[in-house]
Every structure is written in C-alpha cells, then in structure tokens.
C-alpha cells in the first residue's frame, strides 16, 4: 500500500530501517545477524520476512512441535506436579530460544502478538497439553486468515477452559466467551450490545473438552435462531463467525491493534482506515495487513517511540551480548517484570508498555541487566566495546547508528573512568547501557 502523502519523506538509512523493522516486528538483531544482512537489499529482507513461503523459504519447525514426550500424562504419579512444572519451564525455554534465534522472526513475533491478544493463560488453564495446543494453533495461523484463526480459537480446548465455554449450555448460557469475542477479539467496545453478547453465547452452547480435543453435544446446544449484530438466523459456530467476521468494525479493530504494536499509539484514524481497507479487501488475510503497516512505518520521518516490553528487552539483550541464561533465570526475570509467556495476568493480556516504566519494573530491569552482564562471555563484541569505552561501537551494536544520547554517554564515561579496571568498568557500563532509555526505547 503506498504511504499517505503527508508521511512520505526521504528514506532513513538502510541500517536504521533494518533495525526498526527487526525490533518492531521481531526481537532485534545480533551483531552476526547484522553482518549477514549487509549484502541484502532492505526490500528483499522485509518481503522474505513477512511472506517467506512466497519466496520458497521453509517455515521452521516450531517450539511446540514434537513435545509429547516432554509433557507428563500419568496424573497419579506422586511427582506429577513437579514434572509438569519442569516441562513448563523447558517449553518456555524452547519458546524463548525460538523467538531469539529463529530465521523467521515475523512468525514468532506475530505468534506472541496473538498470545497477548487472546491472552489464554496457564493461570486458569492447568492442562499443559491444552495450553501447548493453543500456542501451536496461534503459530499456525499467525500470519494467515484471521477468520480461520478466530473460528479455531473459539472451539480450542484451552479457550473453552479459559473462558468457561465448557459451562455454556442451553439451560444456562455462560456469557464469558461471547463477551470477549466481541469486545477483545473482534469488534471493540461500542460496536455491540448486551443482546449481542447473549445471542453469541447461546449460539455457541454445547461445546465440550474431551481427552481427544473437543466435541459438540447437540443436547446441550440452544439451536434457537438468534439476532446477532443485526443478522438473523444465527444459531451455531459458523453463523456466529459469519456475523462477526463480516462486521464493518472488525478490520479497523484488528488494524488498530496491530498498528499500535508496530507503529506506536496515536496513528491518525485515516491511516488506520487505509490499513482496514487493505485488510478487508484481502478477505481478512493477515500478510497484506502486515505489509501495509510495515510499509507505512518505513515511510515515516518521525516514528513514534515505543517502550520495549520485557520479552523484547530480554531477548534483544541476549542477542547483543551473546549471553546464554538458564531457563529459571529467564523465567525469574520475566516474572519479576510481569510478562511471563504462557501466563498473561488477565483476559486483557499483558500490561501496556507504559507499565514497564514503573519503579518496580525499572528496578527489575537494572537487577536483570546485572545478571545478564555477569554471564556475558568475554568475547562478546558488546562487552569489548564497553571495556574499551567505545560508546560509538556499543551504540551501533544496539542499533543507534548516530550514537547514544549525550546524557547516556556522559554517564557511561563517568562510570568507566571511576572503575578500578577496564574489565570491571566494562561490565558495569554494559549493564547500565542495557538499562538505559537508549536500549529500552525503540
């Protein structure tokens, strides 16, 4: 989609654009990745990232495949809960590894985006197989058809458990999923009524979780035709999905949410409407929407700053330092920052990024940076730059081609000069740099 006239400007440097794309719809770049991309054109890199299959690239096997042997099933075993916890930690570690190291960063970023969107949480879903199946579903459809993903999520075992769909019967409809379907997953507040919530809930009665997946129970289903969003005759899953996905508010709602995540908040409504038109005109397929949002961002002169959320911060810190943390260390860091993958705190997902500027998050980030730097290998190029007080090189590794802000440089230089040795000063300064606004804001 061509960029609107008022945001068309001379392009920033290719390296700045590459870092922008890699951080806004990915988890950053390691020094070796940056070297690898130097000989490729930016347009080619972006196109292959967004739609690799179009270019004959294979989609990597996901972290949630071939994990059946890892997940314990013998519930009567005395150490069952302990083994479930160990398996959960191992799966988290694999997931974070894939997000950090994947050759397909857009896929993993979009999977995490949808994880936050649907916010199914292990806090409520105690079945590890169901939770893993849900994450596998999100990854399968992460940049595919939104209607297909929404339909499958609606009758996904983890979602049925999470929002009490298993208790939704003809005799006693449960409105939890019906409400969130309309408010959080498709249309947004103001685009539906309480009658629509009840109608959707009644039409979705009768779905049950079984050991093999899900099953529809006709005797527990209310097949009475309902009026949903102005559509009559709505009585089952397919007619609910038809009414919801054909509603005029859905393209704009999803476009705004993706735009906020990639471009930052405050993008004018007219731009969101253009994204929504692209989305609607392509049958709610996600790749054209992703392309439109990224193209608009690349055409902007002054891009809206975004605060890294904790997963982005941790993974990019690992990338630039080359550190390898233990699974428990990663879980502790993300838990302290209130963004532990697999456990969104509520139905609305993880906190907004402004939350991560709070005193508790800032303290957690400083202490976590210390843990990361203490384990950073000596050969790390970021550590070598910090040890030699080469703030220009360190800034470049962090993605700041024009260097750090002067207050950051002054603080780093003062710390380095007051340290008893270059080695100690380098590690302290690297920790401060990872905690600085220059690294936190992208």
Protein backbone atom coordinates (compact mmCIF):
# COMPACT_ATOMS: atom_id res chain seq x y z
CA UNK A 1 0.00 0.00 0.00
CA UNK A 2 1.54 3.38 -0.94
CA UNK A 3 2.26 5.58 2.05
CA UNK A 4 -0.10 8.53 2.50
CA UNK A 5 1.33 11.76 1.10
CA UNK A 6 1.74 13.51 4.43
CA UNK A 7 4.06 10.83 5.82
CA UNK A 8 6.16 10.34 2.69
CA UNK A 9 9.71 11.53 3.30
CA UNK A 10 13.24 10.75 2.28
CA UNK A 11 14.18 7.30 3.48
CA UNK A 12 16.27 6.90 6.59
CA UNK A 13 19.46 4.90 6.23
CA UNK A 14 19.03 1.26 5.30
CA UNK A 15 20.63 0.20 8.58
CA UNK A 16 18.25 2.34 10.63
CA UNK A 17 15.30 0.89 8.73
CA UNK A 18 16.61 -2.64 9.20
CA UNK A 19 16.95 -2.13 12.95
CA UNK A 20 13.49 -0.55 13.07
CA UNK A 21 11.84 -3.48 11.30
CA UNK A 22 13.82 -6.02 13.29
CA UNK A 23 12.75 -4.51 16.60
CA UNK A 24 9.18 -3.51 15.79
CA UNK A 25 8.12 -6.81 14.23
CA UNK A 26 10.80 -9.08 15.56
CA UNK A 27 13.12 -9.32 18.56
CA UNK A 28 16.12 -7.34 17.38
CA UNK A 29 19.41 -8.20 15.70
CA UNK A 30 22.59 -9.79 16.96
CA UNK A 31 25.91 -8.47 15.63
CA UNK A 32 26.29 -11.58 13.47
CA UNK A 33 22.80 -11.15 12.04
CA UNK A 34 23.58 -7.55 11.17
CA UNK A 35 26.72 -8.66 9.32
CA UNK A 36 24.75 -11.32 7.47
CA UNK A 37 22.19 -8.82 6.21
CA UNK A 38 24.70 -6.24 4.98
CA UNK A 39 24.77 -7.61 1.43
CA UNK A 40 20.98 -7.90 1.07
CA UNK A 41 18.61 -5.18 -0.03
CA UNK A 42 16.20 -3.95 2.64
CA UNK A 43 13.14 -4.57 0.48
CA UNK A 44 14.19 -8.18 -0.12
CA UNK A 45 14.83 -8.76 3.58
CA UNK A 46 11.42 -7.40 4.57
CA UNK A 47 9.49 -9.25 1.89
CA UNK A 48 11.12 -12.55 2.77
CA UNK A 49 10.47 -11.97 6.47
CA UNK A 50 6.79 -11.18 6.07
CA UNK A 51 5.98 -13.82 3.46
CA UNK A 52 8.82 -16.38 3.30
CA UNK A 53 6.75 -19.11 1.65
CA UNK A 54 6.18 -16.85 -1.36
CA UNK A 55 9.94 -16.96 -1.88
CA UNK A 56 10.26 -20.71 -1.42
CA UNK A 57 11.60 -20.48 2.14
CA UNK A 58 10.58 -23.17 4.59
CA UNK A 59 8.76 -22.27 7.75
CA UNK A 60 10.90 -23.54 10.65
CA UNK A 61 9.55 -26.24 12.91
CA UNK A 62 8.02 -24.54 15.93
CA UNK A 63 8.95 -24.90 19.58
CA UNK A 64 5.59 -26.57 20.32
CA UNK A 65 6.03 -29.45 17.88
CA UNK A 66 7.24 -32.90 18.87
CA UNK A 67 6.88 -32.19 22.59
CA UNK A 68 4.50 -35.00 23.55
CA UNK A 69 7.27 -37.00 25.23
CA UNK A 70 8.16 -33.96 27.32
CA UNK A 71 4.69 -33.49 28.81
CA UNK A 72 3.85 -35.92 31.65
CA UNK A 73 0.48 -37.67 31.43
CA UNK A 74 0.50 -40.03 34.42
CA UNK A 75 -1.56 -37.87 36.78
CA UNK A 76 -1.47 -40.48 39.53
CA UNK A 77 2.30 -40.27 39.80
CA UNK A 78 3.42 -38.74 43.14
CA UNK A 79 5.78 -36.33 41.37
CA UNK A 80 3.34 -35.41 38.56
CA UNK A 81 3.02 -31.73 39.51
CA UNK A 82 6.76 -31.34 39.86
CA UNK A 83 7.31 -32.87 36.41
CA UNK A 84 4.64 -30.62 34.90
CA UNK A 85 6.45 -27.59 36.32
CA UNK A 86 9.74 -28.84 34.88
CA UNK A 87 8.11 -29.43 31.49
CA UNK A 88 6.55 -25.96 31.55
CA UNK A 89 9.94 -24.41 32.23
CA UNK A 90 11.56 -26.42 29.43
CA UNK A 91 8.81 -25.36 26.99
CA UNK A 92 9.26 -21.72 27.99
CA UNK A 93 12.99 -22.01 27.38
CA UNK A 94 12.42 -23.55 23.94
CA UNK A 95 9.91 -20.85 23.07
CA UNK A 96 12.26 -18.02 24.06
CA UNK A 97 15.12 -19.69 22.16
CA UNK A 98 12.96 -19.84 19.04
CA UNK A 99 11.93 -16.19 19.35
CA UNK A 100 15.57 -15.18 19.77
CA UNK A 101 17.22 -17.41 17.17
CA UNK A 102 14.53 -18.04 14.57
CA UNK A 103 15.21 -17.44 10.87
CA UNK A 104 11.54 -16.37 10.69
CA UNK A 105 11.23 -13.54 13.25
CA UNK A 106 7.92 -12.16 11.96
CA UNK A 107 6.24 -15.52 12.55
CA UNK A 108 7.42 -15.69 16.15
CA UNK A 109 6.61 -12.03 16.79
CA UNK A 110 3.09 -12.47 15.40
CA UNK A 111 2.61 -15.63 17.47
CA UNK A 112 3.44 -13.69 20.62
CA UNK A 113 1.22 -10.82 19.45
CA UNK A 114 -1.75 -13.20 19.22
CA UNK A 115 -0.82 -14.78 22.55
CA UNK A 116 -1.25 -11.34 24.10
CA UNK A 117 -4.43 -10.72 22.05
CA UNK A 118 -6.27 -13.87 23.13
CA UNK A 119 -4.44 -13.97 26.49
CA UNK A 120 -5.16 -17.62 27.30
CA UNK A 121 -3.23 -18.19 30.49
CA UNK A 122 -1.75 -21.12 32.35
CA UNK A 123 -3.07 -19.43 35.49
CA UNK A 124 -6.52 -20.77 34.57
CA UNK A 125 -5.70 -23.49 32.03
CA UNK A 126 -3.99 -26.13 34.15
CA UNK A 127 -3.76 -28.61 31.27
CA UNK A 128 -0.30 -28.25 29.75
CA UNK A 129 -1.27 -30.21 26.60
CA UNK A 130 -4.21 -27.85 26.04
CA UNK A 131 -2.04 -24.77 26.52
CA UNK A 132 0.64 -26.09 24.17
CA UNK A 133 -2.05 -26.93 21.61
CA UNK A 134 -3.37 -23.38 21.83
CA UNK A 135 0.06 -21.85 21.23
CA UNK A 136 0.60 -24.23 18.32
CA UNK A 137 -2.72 -23.06 16.85
CA UNK A 138 -1.71 -19.40 17.13
CA UNK A 139 1.60 -20.05 15.42
CA UNK A 140 -0.10 -21.99 12.62
CA UNK A 141 -2.38 -19.05 11.80
CA UNK A 142 -0.17 -16.17 12.98
CA UNK A 143 0.00 -14.53 9.56
CA UNK A 144 -2.75 -16.42 7.78
CA UNK A 145 -6.52 -15.97 7.75
CA UNK A 146 -7.92 -14.13 10.75
CA UNK A 147 -11.42 -15.65 10.35
CA UNK A 148 -9.91 -19.13 10.31
CA UNK A 149 -7.84 -18.45 13.40
CA UNK A 150 -10.79 -16.88 15.24
CA UNK A 151 -13.01 -19.88 14.45
CA UNK A 152 -10.43 -22.37 15.64
CA UNK A 153 -9.67 -20.37 18.79
CA UNK A 154 -13.39 -20.26 19.60
CA UNK A 155 -13.57 -24.05 19.97
CA UNK A 156 -9.99 -24.59 21.09
CA UNK A 157 -9.80 -26.68 24.28
CA UNK A 158 -7.65 -24.11 26.08
CA UNK A 159 -10.04 -21.27 25.24
CA UNK A 160 -13.07 -23.34 26.26
CA UNK A 161 -11.41 -23.89 29.63
CA UNK A 162 -10.11 -20.32 29.93
CA UNK A 163 -13.44 -18.54 29.41
CA UNK A 164 -15.78 -21.22 30.75
CA UNK A 165 -17.06 -22.39 27.38
CA UNK A 166 -17.40 -25.86 28.84
CA UNK A 167 -20.10 -24.46 31.15
CA UNK A 168 -22.03 -22.80 28.33
CA UNK A 169 -25.28 -24.79 28.00
CA UNK A 170 -28.72 -24.29 26.53
CA UNK A 171 -30.21 -24.33 30.02
CA UNK A 172 -27.68 -21.87 31.44
CA UNK A 173 -25.72 -19.83 28.86
CA UNK A 174 -22.33 -18.57 30.02
CA UNK A 175 -21.53 -15.17 28.51
CA UNK A 176 -17.79 -15.03 29.24
CA UNK A 177 -16.55 -16.02 25.81
CA UNK A 178 -19.39 -14.34 23.93
CA UNK A 179 -18.47 -11.04 25.57
CA UNK A 180 -14.73 -11.27 24.98
CA UNK A 181 -15.27 -12.46 21.41
CA UNK A 182 -16.99 -9.17 20.64
CA UNK A 183 -15.09 -6.81 22.95
CA UNK A 184 -11.49 -8.04 22.84
CA UNK A 185 -11.11 -10.36 19.88
CA UNK A 186 -13.04 -8.75 17.03
CA UNK A 187 -15.05 -5.52 17.32
CA UNK A 188 -14.26 -3.49 20.42
CA UNK A 189 -16.44 -1.62 22.88
CA UNK A 190 -19.25 0.38 21.30
CA UNK A 191 -19.80 -1.95 18.36
CA UNK A 192 -22.11 -4.48 20.01
CA UNK A 193 -24.90 -4.63 22.58
CA UNK A 194 -25.64 -6.80 25.60
CA UNK A 195 -28.24 -8.56 23.45
CA UNK A 196 -25.45 -9.44 21.00
CA UNK A 197 -23.37 -10.94 23.84
CA UNK A 198 -26.26 -13.17 24.87
CA UNK A 199 -27.08 -14.13 21.29
CA UNK A 200 -23.49 -15.15 20.55
CA UNK A 201 -23.29 -17.07 23.82
CA UNK A 202 -26.48 -19.04 23.11
CA UNK A 203 -25.38 -19.89 19.59
CA UNK A 204 -22.06 -21.21 20.92
CA UNK A 205 -23.54 -23.55 23.54
CA UNK A 206 -22.78 -27.26 23.52
CA UNK A 207 -19.00 -27.46 23.04
CA UNK A 208 -17.11 -29.68 25.44
CA UNK A 209 -13.46 -30.59 26.04
CA UNK A 210 -12.61 -34.28 25.79
CA UNK A 211 -9.35 -36.22 26.23
CA UNK A 212 -9.03 -36.16 22.44
CA UNK A 213 -9.83 -32.50 21.89
CA UNK A 214 -13.35 -31.06 21.66
CA UNK A 215 -16.79 -32.47 20.97
CA UNK A 216 -20.11 -30.86 20.10
CA UNK A 217 -23.02 -32.00 22.28
CA UNK A 218 -26.30 -31.28 20.45
CA UNK A 219 -28.41 -31.91 23.58
CA UNK A 220 -26.59 -29.10 25.40
CA UNK A 221 -26.88 -26.68 22.46
CA UNK A 222 -29.52 -23.99 22.03
CA UNK A 223 -30.32 -24.07 18.31
CA UNK A 224 -32.90 -21.30 18.51
CA UNK A 225 -32.21 -18.70 15.79
CA UNK A 226 -30.73 -15.52 17.29
CA UNK A 227 -30.22 -11.98 16.04
CA UNK A 228 -26.53 -11.16 16.28
CA UNK A 229 -25.11 -7.82 15.14
CA UNK A 230 -28.21 -7.29 13.03
CA UNK A 231 -28.00 -10.73 11.39
CA UNK A 232 -30.96 -13.05 11.87
CA UNK A 233 -30.82 -16.84 11.89
CA UNK A 234 -27.59 -17.09 13.88
CA UNK A 235 -27.66 -20.42 15.70
CA UNK A 236 -24.25 -22.12 15.67
CA UNK A 237 -20.48 -21.67 15.41
CA UNK A 238 -20.39 -20.99 11.68
CA UNK A 239 -23.19 -18.42 11.69
CA UNK A 240 -21.64 -16.65 14.68
CA UNK A 241 -18.32 -16.45 12.85
CA UNK A 242 -20.03 -15.20 9.71
CA UNK A 243 -21.80 -12.41 11.60
CA UNK A 244 -18.69 -11.36 13.49
CA UNK A 245 -16.13 -11.50 10.70
CA UNK A 246 -18.42 -9.67 8.28
CA UNK A 247 -18.99 -6.80 10.70
CA UNK A 248 -17.63 -3.48 9.46
CA UNK A 249 -15.79 -2.78 12.72
CA UNK A 250 -13.54 -5.84 12.67
CA UNK A 251 -10.97 -4.74 10.04
CA UNK A 252 -10.39 -1.44 11.81
CA UNK A 253 -10.24 -3.01 15.27
CA UNK A 254 -7.56 -5.54 14.31
CA UNK A 255 -5.71 -2.99 12.18
CA UNK A 256 -5.56 -0.53 15.07
CA UNK A 257 -4.26 -3.20 17.45
CA UNK A 258 -1.50 -4.30 15.07
CA UNK A 259 -0.64 -0.70 14.21
CA UNK A 260 -0.34 0.22 17.89
CA UNK A 261 2.05 -2.68 18.43
CA UNK A 262 4.23 -1.92 15.40
CA UNK A 263 3.96 1.83 14.83
CA UNK A 264 3.03 3.02 18.30
CA UNK A 265 -0.15 4.64 19.51
CA UNK A 266 -1.65 7.82 18.12
CA UNK A 267 -1.58 6.92 14.44
CA UNK A 268 -4.36 9.01 12.79
CA UNK A 269 -7.70 7.33 12.10
CA UNK A 270 -7.37 7.97 8.36
CA UNK A 271 -4.23 5.83 8.28
CA UNK A 272 -5.90 3.06 10.29
CA UNK A 273 -8.83 3.21 7.86
CA UNK A 274 -6.41 2.62 4.98
CA UNK A 275 -4.98 -0.41 6.78
CA UNK A 276 -8.53 -1.64 7.43
CA UNK A 277 -9.40 -1.31 3.74
CA UNK A 278 -6.37 -3.38 2.78
CA UNK A 279 -7.33 -5.99 5.38
CA UNK A 280 -10.99 -6.14 4.31
CA UNK A 281 -10.21 -6.16 0.59
CA UNK A 282 -7.93 -9.17 1.10
CA UNK A 283 -10.57 -11.29 2.89
CA UNK A 284 -9.01 -10.58 6.30
CA UNK A 285 -5.76 -12.26 5.34
CA UNK A 286 -3.03 -11.01 7.62
CA UNK A 287 0.01 -10.78 5.33
CA UNK A 288 -1.36 -7.82 3.31
CA UNK A 289 -2.18 -6.03 6.57
CA UNK A 290 1.31 -6.66 7.97
CA UNK A 291 2.85 -5.39 4.74
CA UNK A 292 0.73 -2.23 4.79
CA UNK A 293 1.63 -1.42 8.40
CA UNK A 294 5.35 -2.03 7.89
CA UNK A 295 5.41 -0.02 4.63
CA UNK A 296 3.76 2.91 6.40
CA UNK A 297 6.31 2.75 9.20
CA UNK A 298 9.23 2.72 6.79
CA UNK A 299 7.83 5.84 5.10
CA UNK A 300 7.61 7.87 8.30
CA UNK A 301 10.15 10.58 9.02
CA UNK A 302 9.48 10.82 12.75
CA UNK A 303 8.48 7.43 14.08
CA UNK A 304 6.57 7.10 17.33
CA UNK A 305 8.91 5.78 20.06
CA UNK A 306 7.85 2.50 21.66
CA UNK A 307 8.97 1.16 25.01
CA UNK A 308 10.23 -2.39 24.76
CA UNK A 309 8.13 -4.88 26.64
CA UNK A 310 10.09 -7.28 28.87
CA UNK A 311 10.21 -10.19 26.40
CA UNK A 312 11.60 -7.89 23.70
CA UNK A 313 14.05 -6.37 26.19
CA UNK A 314 15.35 -9.74 27.42
CA UNK A 315 15.68 -11.37 24.01
CA UNK A 316 17.41 -8.38 22.47
CA UNK A 317 19.73 -8.16 25.47
CA UNK A 318 20.63 -11.80 24.88
CA UNK A 319 21.19 -11.10 21.20
CA UNK A 320 23.52 -8.13 21.60
CA UNK A 321 25.56 -9.65 24.45
CA UNK A 322 25.63 -13.27 23.32
CA UNK A 323 24.71 -14.42 26.83
CA UNK A 324 23.08 -17.81 27.46
CA UNK A 325 20.87 -17.75 30.54
CA UNK A 326 19.37 -20.71 32.33
CA UNK A 327 15.65 -21.33 31.92
CA UNK A 328 14.96 -20.49 35.56
CA UNK A 329 16.85 -17.20 35.28
CA UNK A 330 14.79 -16.20 32.26
CA UNK A 331 11.55 -17.14 34.00
CA UNK A 332 12.53 -15.16 37.09
CA UNK A 333 13.41 -12.06 35.05
CA UNK A 334 10.17 -12.09 33.07
CA UNK A 335 8.11 -12.98 36.12
CA UNK A 336 9.52 -10.01 38.03
CA UNK A 337 8.58 -7.77 35.10
CA UNK A 338 5.04 -9.20 34.89
CA UNK A 339 5.40 -10.65 31.40
CA UNK A 340 5.90 -14.38 31.68
CA UNK A 341 4.91 -16.03 28.39
CA UNK A 342 2.12 -18.53 28.88
CA UNK A 343 0.75 -16.62 31.87
CA UNK A 344 -0.90 -13.32 30.90
CA UNK A 345 -2.21 -11.75 34.12
CA UNK A 346 -5.79 -11.22 32.92
CA UNK A 347 -8.17 -11.56 29.99
CA UNK A 348 -6.94 -8.25 28.56
CA UNK A 349 -3.43 -9.66 28.13
CA UNK A 350 -0.15 -8.28 29.40
CA UNK A 351 0.11 -4.70 30.74
CA UNK A 352 0.66 -1.86 28.29
CA UNK A 353 4.25 -0.84 27.69
CA UNK A 354 3.98 2.26 29.92
CA UNK A 355 3.64 -0.16 32.85
CA UNK A 356 7.24 -1.17 32.29
CA UNK A 357 8.42 2.29 33.31
CA UNK A 358 7.12 1.76 36.83
CA UNK A 359 9.54 1.78 39.76
CA UNK A 360 9.24 -1.99 40.27
CA UNK A 361 9.84 -2.78 36.59
CA UNK A 362 12.76 -0.36 36.43
CA UNK A 363 14.36 -1.98 39.48
CA UNK A 364 13.81 -5.43 37.99
CA UNK A 365 15.37 -4.32 34.72
CA UNK A 366 18.51 -2.97 36.44
CA UNK A 367 18.98 -6.13 38.50
CA UNK A 368 18.30 -8.31 35.44
CA UNK A 369 20.86 -6.37 33.42
CA UNK A 370 23.38 -7.18 36.14
CA UNK A 371 22.59 -10.90 35.86
CA UNK A 372 22.93 -10.77 32.06
CA UNK A 373 26.25 -8.92 32.11
CA UNK A 374 27.71 -11.17 34.81
CA UNK A 375 27.25 -14.09 32.42
CA UNK A 376 28.15 -12.30 29.19
CA UNK A 377 31.08 -14.12 27.55
CA UNK A 378 34.42 -12.31 27.38
CA UNK A 379 34.43 -12.48 23.58
CA UNK A 380 31.13 -10.57 23.33
CA UNK A 381 31.60 -7.64 20.96
CA UNK A 382 29.26 -5.55 23.10
CA UNK A 383 31.37 -6.24 26.18
CA UNK A 384 34.59 -5.49 24.31
CA UNK A 385 33.18 -2.15 23.18
CA UNK A 386 32.15 -1.31 26.76
CA UNK A 387 35.55 -2.35 28.17
CA UNK A 388 37.31 -0.02 25.73
CA UNK A 389 34.81 2.82 26.38
CA UNK A 390 33.93 2.78 22.69
CA UNK A 391 30.42 4.13 23.09
CA UNK A 392 30.01 4.68 19.37
CA UNK A 393 30.55 0.99 18.62
CA UNK A 394 28.32 -0.06 21.50
CA UNK A 395 25.56 2.25 20.28
CA UNK A 396 25.88 0.80 16.79
CA UNK A 397 25.54 -2.74 18.19
CA UNK A 398 22.39 -1.55 19.97
CA UNK A 399 21.03 -0.18 16.68
CA UNK A 400 21.80 3.52 17.21
CA UNK A 401 23.77 4.46 14.12
CA UNK A 402 24.03 8.06 15.31
CA UNK A 403 25.20 7.13 18.79
CA UNK A 404 23.69 7.24 22.25
CA UNK A 405 22.05 10.33 23.68
CA UNK A 406 24.61 12.59 25.33
CA UNK A 407 23.36 12.01 28.91
CA UNK A 408 23.87 8.28 28.40
CA UNK A 409 27.38 8.82 27.02
CA UNK A 410 28.26 11.10 29.95
CA UNK A 411 27.00 8.57 32.50
CA UNK A 412 28.85 5.70 30.87
CA UNK A 413 32.09 7.65 30.60
CA UNK A 414 31.94 8.76 34.24
CA UNK A 415 31.32 5.18 35.40
CA UNK A 416 34.10 3.78 33.24
CA UNK A 417 36.62 6.37 34.45
CA UNK A 418 35.74 5.75 38.10
CA UNK A 419 36.04 1.96 37.85
CA UNK A 420 39.18 0.28 39.21
CA UNK A 421 39.75 -1.64 35.96
CA UNK A 422 38.60 -1.62 32.34
CA UNK A 423 37.24 -5.14 32.80
CA UNK A 424 35.08 -4.23 35.76
CA UNK A 425 34.13 -0.88 34.27
CA UNK A 426 33.14 -2.53 31.01
CA UNK A 427 30.70 -4.88 32.68
CA UNK A 428 29.19 -2.16 34.84
CA UNK A 429 28.82 0.14 31.85
CA UNK A 430 27.28 -2.59 29.71
CA UNK A 431 24.70 -3.24 32.43
CA UNK A 432 23.87 0.47 32.61
CA UNK A 433 23.62 0.69 28.82
CA UNK A 434 21.17 -2.23 28.75
CA UNK A 435 19.07 -0.41 31.36
CA UNK A 436 19.21 2.95 29.65
CA UNK A 437 16.44 4.65 27.64
CA UNK A 438 18.62 4.20 24.56
CA UNK A 439 18.10 0.44 24.77
CA UNK A 440 14.62 0.47 26.29
CA UNK A 441 13.00 2.78 23.74
CA UNK A 442 12.85 1.68 20.11
